[in-house]
Amino acid sequence: MTLRIALAQIPVEHGKPEENYKKVDQYLSKAAQAKADVVVLPELWNTGYDLARLEEIADVEGRQTKEFLQAKAQEYKINIVGGSVAIKEHEQFYNTTYIVDKQGKFISEYRKVHLFRLMDEDKYLAAGNQKNVFELAGVKSASFICYDIRFPEWLRTVAKEKLSVIYVVAQWPQTRIEQWKALLVARAIENQTYVVAVNRVGDNPDNKFNGHSLIINPLGEVLSDSGDQETLTVYDLDTSEMEKFTQQIHVFEDRRPELYD
């Protein structure tokens, strides 16, 4: 089947949730106009990395974001991989992804498992501990957040469930953008899945972000690169080719996990 995917490579206003909700709404509308099946947003699009002010600006229990995404999914008739947002729950803060289908049904959520010390996540956020495998637009998928891709054992743990698409949402700085590309290509090859990865653009007080949202096939070939400017990239992904890739090299059958730990 062909899956039309829209990558919303947008800037994020530092610590200004209401402006960011407006921006995301604009791009959800654009994706719907492009007749996309799925739209993917970047990491922490509600607050940016204004982590010191999360007590003030985080979404309490994710209520605003879930209601917003569900309403927009239903309005625009589009499936949403909701990037991630900062939420507050039980006096802790989490970097959380929400998945919503085009009927407005809440499908699943994921809390970032690996906290990135270089951007002080460990000082302000609590880590998640659950994987996120779901079916969206008829395709078995999983989602991860940014720093997670530096941990191949975590993605392999999830990919053993025979996924077709891995979604990655990020705020990955320009200074390490070549690592972003290399890591995503490696994750696609070793897990024999498509990787759909969305990174933000723009600046915050400490970093510059230059996008390069990517779609990569299981052979590690980059099918789409969104460049370094604000944009909506739309790509038709042929998921029916999955069987062709997985039958060539039997990496899952040939694993020897008893030797790995």
Protein backbone atom coordinates (compact mmCIF):
# COMPACT_ATOMS: atom_id res chain seq x y z
CA MET A 1 0.00 0.00 0.00
CA THR A 2 1.03 3.62 -0.51
CA LEU A 3 1.20 5.85 2.54
CA ARG A 4 1.31 9.59 1.89
CA ILE A 5 3.34 11.09 4.72
CA ALA A 6 3.69 14.80 5.52
CA LEU A 7 6.70 15.97 7.54
CA ALA A 8 6.07 19.24 9.39
CA GLN A 9 9.56 20.75 9.66
CA ILE A 10 8.67 23.85 11.65
CA PRO A 11 10.27 26.34 14.04
CA VAL A 12 9.28 26.19 17.70
CA GLU A 13 8.78 29.38 19.70
CA HIS A 14 10.78 29.12 22.94
CA GLY A 15 8.41 28.90 25.91
CA LYS A 16 5.33 30.13 23.98
CA PRO A 17 2.82 27.27 23.80
CA GLU A 18 -0.12 29.19 22.34
CA GLU A 19 1.94 30.45 19.39
CA ASN A 20 3.15 26.92 18.79
CA TYR A 21 -0.37 25.46 18.79
CA LYS A 22 -1.30 28.00 16.11
CA LYS A 23 1.72 27.06 14.00
CA VAL A 24 0.96 23.35 14.30
CA ASP A 25 -2.66 23.94 13.32
CA GLN A 26 -1.48 25.70 10.15
CA TYR A 27 0.67 22.72 9.21
CA LEU A 28 -1.99 20.15 10.01
CA SER A 29 -4.27 22.05 7.65
CA LYS A 30 -1.55 22.14 4.95
CA ALA A 31 -1.01 18.40 5.31
CA ALA A 32 -4.72 17.76 4.92
CA GLN A 33 -4.84 19.96 1.82
CA ALA A 34 -1.98 17.84 0.41
CA LYS A 35 -4.17 14.77 1.05
CA ALA A 36 -1.60 13.21 3.38
CA ASP A 37 -2.56 10.04 5.23
CA VAL A 38 -0.21 10.81 8.15
CA VAL A 39 1.37 14.02 9.38
CA VAL A 40 4.40 13.99 11.71
CA LEU A 41 5.37 16.83 14.07
CA PRO A 42 8.74 17.55 15.78
CA GLU A 43 9.83 17.10 19.39
CA LEU A 44 8.68 19.40 22.24
CA TRP A 45 6.71 21.58 19.88
CA ASN A 46 4.56 23.10 22.61
CA THR A 47 7.28 24.60 24.84
CA GLY A 48 10.61 24.08 23.12
CA TYR A 49 13.53 23.53 25.48
CA ASP A 50 12.35 26.13 28.00
CA LEU A 51 12.65 23.40 30.62
CA ALA A 52 13.24 25.71 33.58
CA ARG A 53 9.71 27.10 33.14
CA LEU A 54 7.87 23.79 32.81
CA GLU A 55 5.97 24.36 36.05
CA GLU A 56 4.39 27.32 34.31
CA ILE A 57 4.05 26.18 30.70
CA ALA A 58 3.87 22.35 30.57
CA ASP A 59 0.56 20.82 29.51
CA VAL A 60 -1.09 19.41 32.66
CA GLU A 61 -1.74 15.69 32.05
CA GLY A 62 -1.47 16.42 28.33
CA ARG A 63 -5.11 17.49 28.31
CA GLN A 64 -4.77 20.49 26.00
CA THR A 65 -2.61 18.62 23.50
CA LYS A 66 -4.75 15.49 23.37
CA GLU A 67 -7.94 17.50 22.91
CA PHE A 68 -6.25 19.66 20.26
CA LEU A 69 -4.83 16.74 18.27
CA GLN A 70 -8.02 14.70 18.47
CA ALA A 71 -10.15 17.63 17.33
CA LYS A 72 -7.80 18.51 14.46
CA ALA A 73 -7.44 14.90 13.34
CA GLN A 74 -11.19 14.64 13.10
CA GLU A 75 -11.57 18.06 11.45
CA TYR A 76 -8.88 17.45 8.85
CA LYS A 77 -9.43 13.69 8.56
CA ILE A 78 -5.73 12.96 9.01
CA ASN A 79 -3.69 10.58 11.16
CA ILE A 80 -1.24 12.38 13.45
CA VAL A 81 2.10 11.33 14.90
CA GLY A 82 2.03 14.15 17.41
CA GLY A 83 5.74 14.91 17.69
CA SER A 84 6.17 15.34 21.41
CA VAL A 85 5.11 17.84 24.04
CA ALA A 86 6.11 18.66 27.59
CA ILE A 87 3.46 17.48 30.04
CA LYS A 88 3.08 17.56 33.81
CA GLU A 89 1.71 14.50 35.57
CA HIS A 90 1.88 13.57 39.27
CA GLU A 91 4.35 16.41 39.98
CA GLN A 92 6.74 15.19 37.29
CA PHE A 93 7.38 16.35 33.74
CA TYR A 94 7.59 14.07 30.71
CA ASN A 95 8.55 14.47 27.06
CA THR A 96 5.54 12.72 25.51
CA THR A 97 4.34 11.64 22.08
CA TYR A 98 0.64 11.19 21.30
CA ILE A 99 -0.67 9.16 18.35
CA VAL A 100 -4.16 9.98 17.05
CA ASP A 101 -6.01 8.48 14.09
CA LYS A 102 -8.06 10.37 11.53
CA GLN A 103 -11.32 9.65 13.35
CA GLY A 104 -9.91 11.54 16.34
CA LYS A 105 -9.35 8.35 18.31
CA PHE A 106 -6.45 8.38 20.76
CA ILE A 107 -4.21 5.45 19.76
CA SER A 108 -1.20 5.48 22.08
CA GLU A 109 1.48 7.53 23.80
CA TYR A 110 5.21 7.32 24.37
CA ARG A 111 7.40 8.97 26.98
CA LYS A 112 11.00 9.59 26.02
CA VAL A 113 13.09 6.79 27.53
CA HIS A 114 16.59 8.27 27.21
CA LEU A 115 17.08 11.75 28.68
CA PHE A 116 19.72 13.95 27.05
CA ARG A 117 22.00 15.41 29.70
CA LEU A 118 23.66 17.85 27.31
CA MET A 119 20.36 19.75 27.08
CA ASP A 120 19.55 19.31 30.81
CA GLU A 121 16.67 16.91 30.30
CA ASP A 122 17.84 14.85 33.26
CA LYS A 123 17.45 17.90 35.54
CA TYR A 124 13.85 18.62 34.65
CA LEU A 125 12.23 15.55 33.08
CA ALA A 126 11.36 12.04 34.20
CA ALA A 127 12.12 9.15 31.85
CA GLY A 128 9.56 6.83 30.35
CA ASN A 129 9.95 3.05 30.43
CA GLN A 130 7.44 1.68 27.90
CA LYS A 131 7.65 1.03 24.17
CA ASN A 132 5.10 2.42 21.76
CA VAL A 133 3.99 0.01 19.02
CA PHE A 134 0.79 0.87 17.17
CA GLU A 135 -1.07 0.53 13.89
CA LEU A 136 -1.74 3.76 12.03
CA ALA A 137 -3.28 4.02 8.59
CA GLY A 138 -3.13 0.24 8.42
CA VAL A 139 0.66 0.13 8.96
CA LYS A 140 2.40 -1.40 11.99
CA SER A 141 4.67 1.27 13.42
CA ALA A 142 6.58 2.47 16.48
CA SER A 143 7.76 5.88 17.67
CA PHE A 144 10.88 7.22 19.37
CA ILE A 145 12.17 10.62 20.45
CA CYS A 146 15.48 12.18 19.40
CA TYR A 147 18.26 10.88 21.73
CA ASP A 148 16.64 7.42 21.69
CA ILE A 149 18.23 6.74 18.29
CA ARG A 150 21.69 6.61 19.89
CA PHE A 151 20.60 3.40 21.63
CA PRO A 152 20.30 0.71 18.93
CA GLU A 153 19.46 -1.94 21.51
CA TRP A 154 16.28 -0.02 22.42
CA LEU A 155 15.09 0.31 18.83
CA ARG A 156 15.94 -3.36 18.14
CA THR A 157 13.93 -4.41 21.21
CA VAL A 158 10.89 -2.74 19.67
CA ALA A 159 11.63 -3.61 16.02
CA LYS A 160 11.53 -7.33 16.82
CA GLU A 161 7.76 -6.92 16.58
CA LYS A 162 8.16 -6.75 12.77
CA LEU A 163 7.44 -3.10 12.12
CA SER A 164 7.03 -1.41 8.77
CA VAL A 165 7.72 2.18 9.89
CA ILE A 166 9.74 3.72 12.70
CA TYR A 167 8.83 7.34 13.44
CA VAL A 168 11.42 9.59 15.09
CA VAL A 169 10.67 13.12 16.30
CA ALA A 170 13.46 15.45 17.32
CA GLN A 171 15.05 18.75 18.17
CA TRP A 172 18.50 17.83 16.88
CA PRO A 173 20.99 20.75 16.75
CA GLN A 174 22.81 21.77 13.60
CA THR A 175 26.22 21.07 15.17
CA ARG A 176 25.49 17.33 15.20
CA ILE A 177 23.28 17.04 12.12
CA GLU A 178 25.62 14.64 10.31
CA GLN A 179 25.31 12.25 13.27
CA TRP A 180 21.52 12.55 12.97
CA LYS A 181 21.69 11.38 9.37
CA ALA A 182 24.16 8.56 10.02
CA LEU A 183 22.28 7.20 13.03
CA LEU A 184 18.94 7.18 11.24
CA VAL A 185 20.38 5.39 8.22
CA ALA A 186 21.91 2.77 10.52
CA ARG A 187 18.63 2.26 12.42
CA ALA A 188 16.77 1.72 9.13
CA ILE A 189 19.29 -0.82 7.81
CA GLU A 190 19.71 -2.87 10.97
CA ASN A 191 15.98 -3.03 11.73
CA GLN A 192 14.86 -3.45 8.10
CA THR A 193 12.20 -0.78 8.39
CA TYR A 194 11.37 2.55 6.88
CA VAL A 195 12.44 5.42 9.11
CA VAL A 196 10.41 8.63 9.05
CA ALA A 197 12.19 11.32 11.07
CA VAL A 198 11.14 14.93 11.68
CA ASN A 199 13.49 17.58 13.08
CA ARG A 200 12.67 21.20 13.80
CA VAL A 201 14.24 24.36 12.36
CA GLY A 202 14.99 27.73 13.95
CA ASP A 203 16.86 28.84 17.05
CA ASN A 204 16.52 28.77 20.81
CA PRO A 205 18.79 30.62 23.27
CA ASP A 206 21.36 27.79 23.22
CA ASN A 207 21.10 26.02 19.86
CA LYS A 208 20.43 26.36 16.16
CA PHE A 209 18.32 23.68 14.46
CA ASN A 210 18.49 23.03 10.73
CA GLY A 211 15.92 20.34 9.99
CA HIS A 212 16.95 17.70 7.46
CA SER A 213 13.87 15.66 8.23
CA LEU A 214 14.34 12.35 6.45
CA ILE A 215 12.55 9.36 5.02
CA ILE A 216 14.84 6.33 4.67
CA ASN A 217 14.14 2.89 3.25
CA PRO A 218 15.29 -0.43 4.79
CA LEU A 219 18.38 -0.43 2.54
CA GLY A 220 19.51 2.85 4.08
CA GLU A 221 18.66 4.90 1.00
CA VAL A 222 17.46 8.43 1.74
CA LEU A 223 14.20 8.84 -0.15
CA SER A 224 13.47 12.36 1.07
CA ASP A 225 15.49 15.12 2.77
CA SER A 226 13.57 18.27 3.73
CA GLY A 227 16.63 20.53 3.68
CA ASP A 228 17.29 23.24 6.25
CA GLN A 229 14.28 25.59 5.95
CA GLU A 230 10.76 25.62 7.36
CA THR A 231 8.67 23.40 5.09
CA LEU A 232 6.04 20.72 4.72
CA THR A 233 7.44 17.75 2.82
CA VAL A 234 4.99 15.23 1.38
CA TYR A 235 6.18 11.80 0.22
CA ASP A 236 4.34 8.72 -1.02
CA LEU A 237 5.82 5.71 0.76
CA ASP A 238 5.24 2.28 -0.79
CA THR A 239 5.09 -0.02 2.22
CA SER A 240 4.30 -3.03 0.01
CA GLU A 241 8.05 -3.28 -0.68
CA MET A 242 8.77 -4.32 2.91
CA GLU A 243 8.67 -8.04 2.17
CA LYS A 244 11.24 -7.63 -0.60
CA PHE A 245 13.73 -6.10 1.84
CA THR A 246 13.19 -8.49 4.74
CA GLN A 247 13.49 -11.65 2.63
CA GLN A 248 16.96 -10.77 1.36
CA ILE A 249 18.88 -10.69 4.65
CA HIS A 250 17.37 -12.52 7.63
CA VAL A 251 18.80 -10.40 10.43
CA PHE A 252 16.09 -11.23 12.96
CA GLU A 253 16.26 -14.98 12.40
CA ASP A 254 20.07 -14.93 12.54
CA ARG A 255 20.36 -13.08 15.84
CA ARG A 256 22.13 -14.78 18.79
CA PRO A 257 20.82 -12.82 21.76
CA GLU A 258 22.30 -15.27 24.26
CA LEU A 259 25.70 -13.75 23.43
CA TYR A 260 24.76 -10.10 23.63
CA ASP A 261 24.53 -9.30 27.35
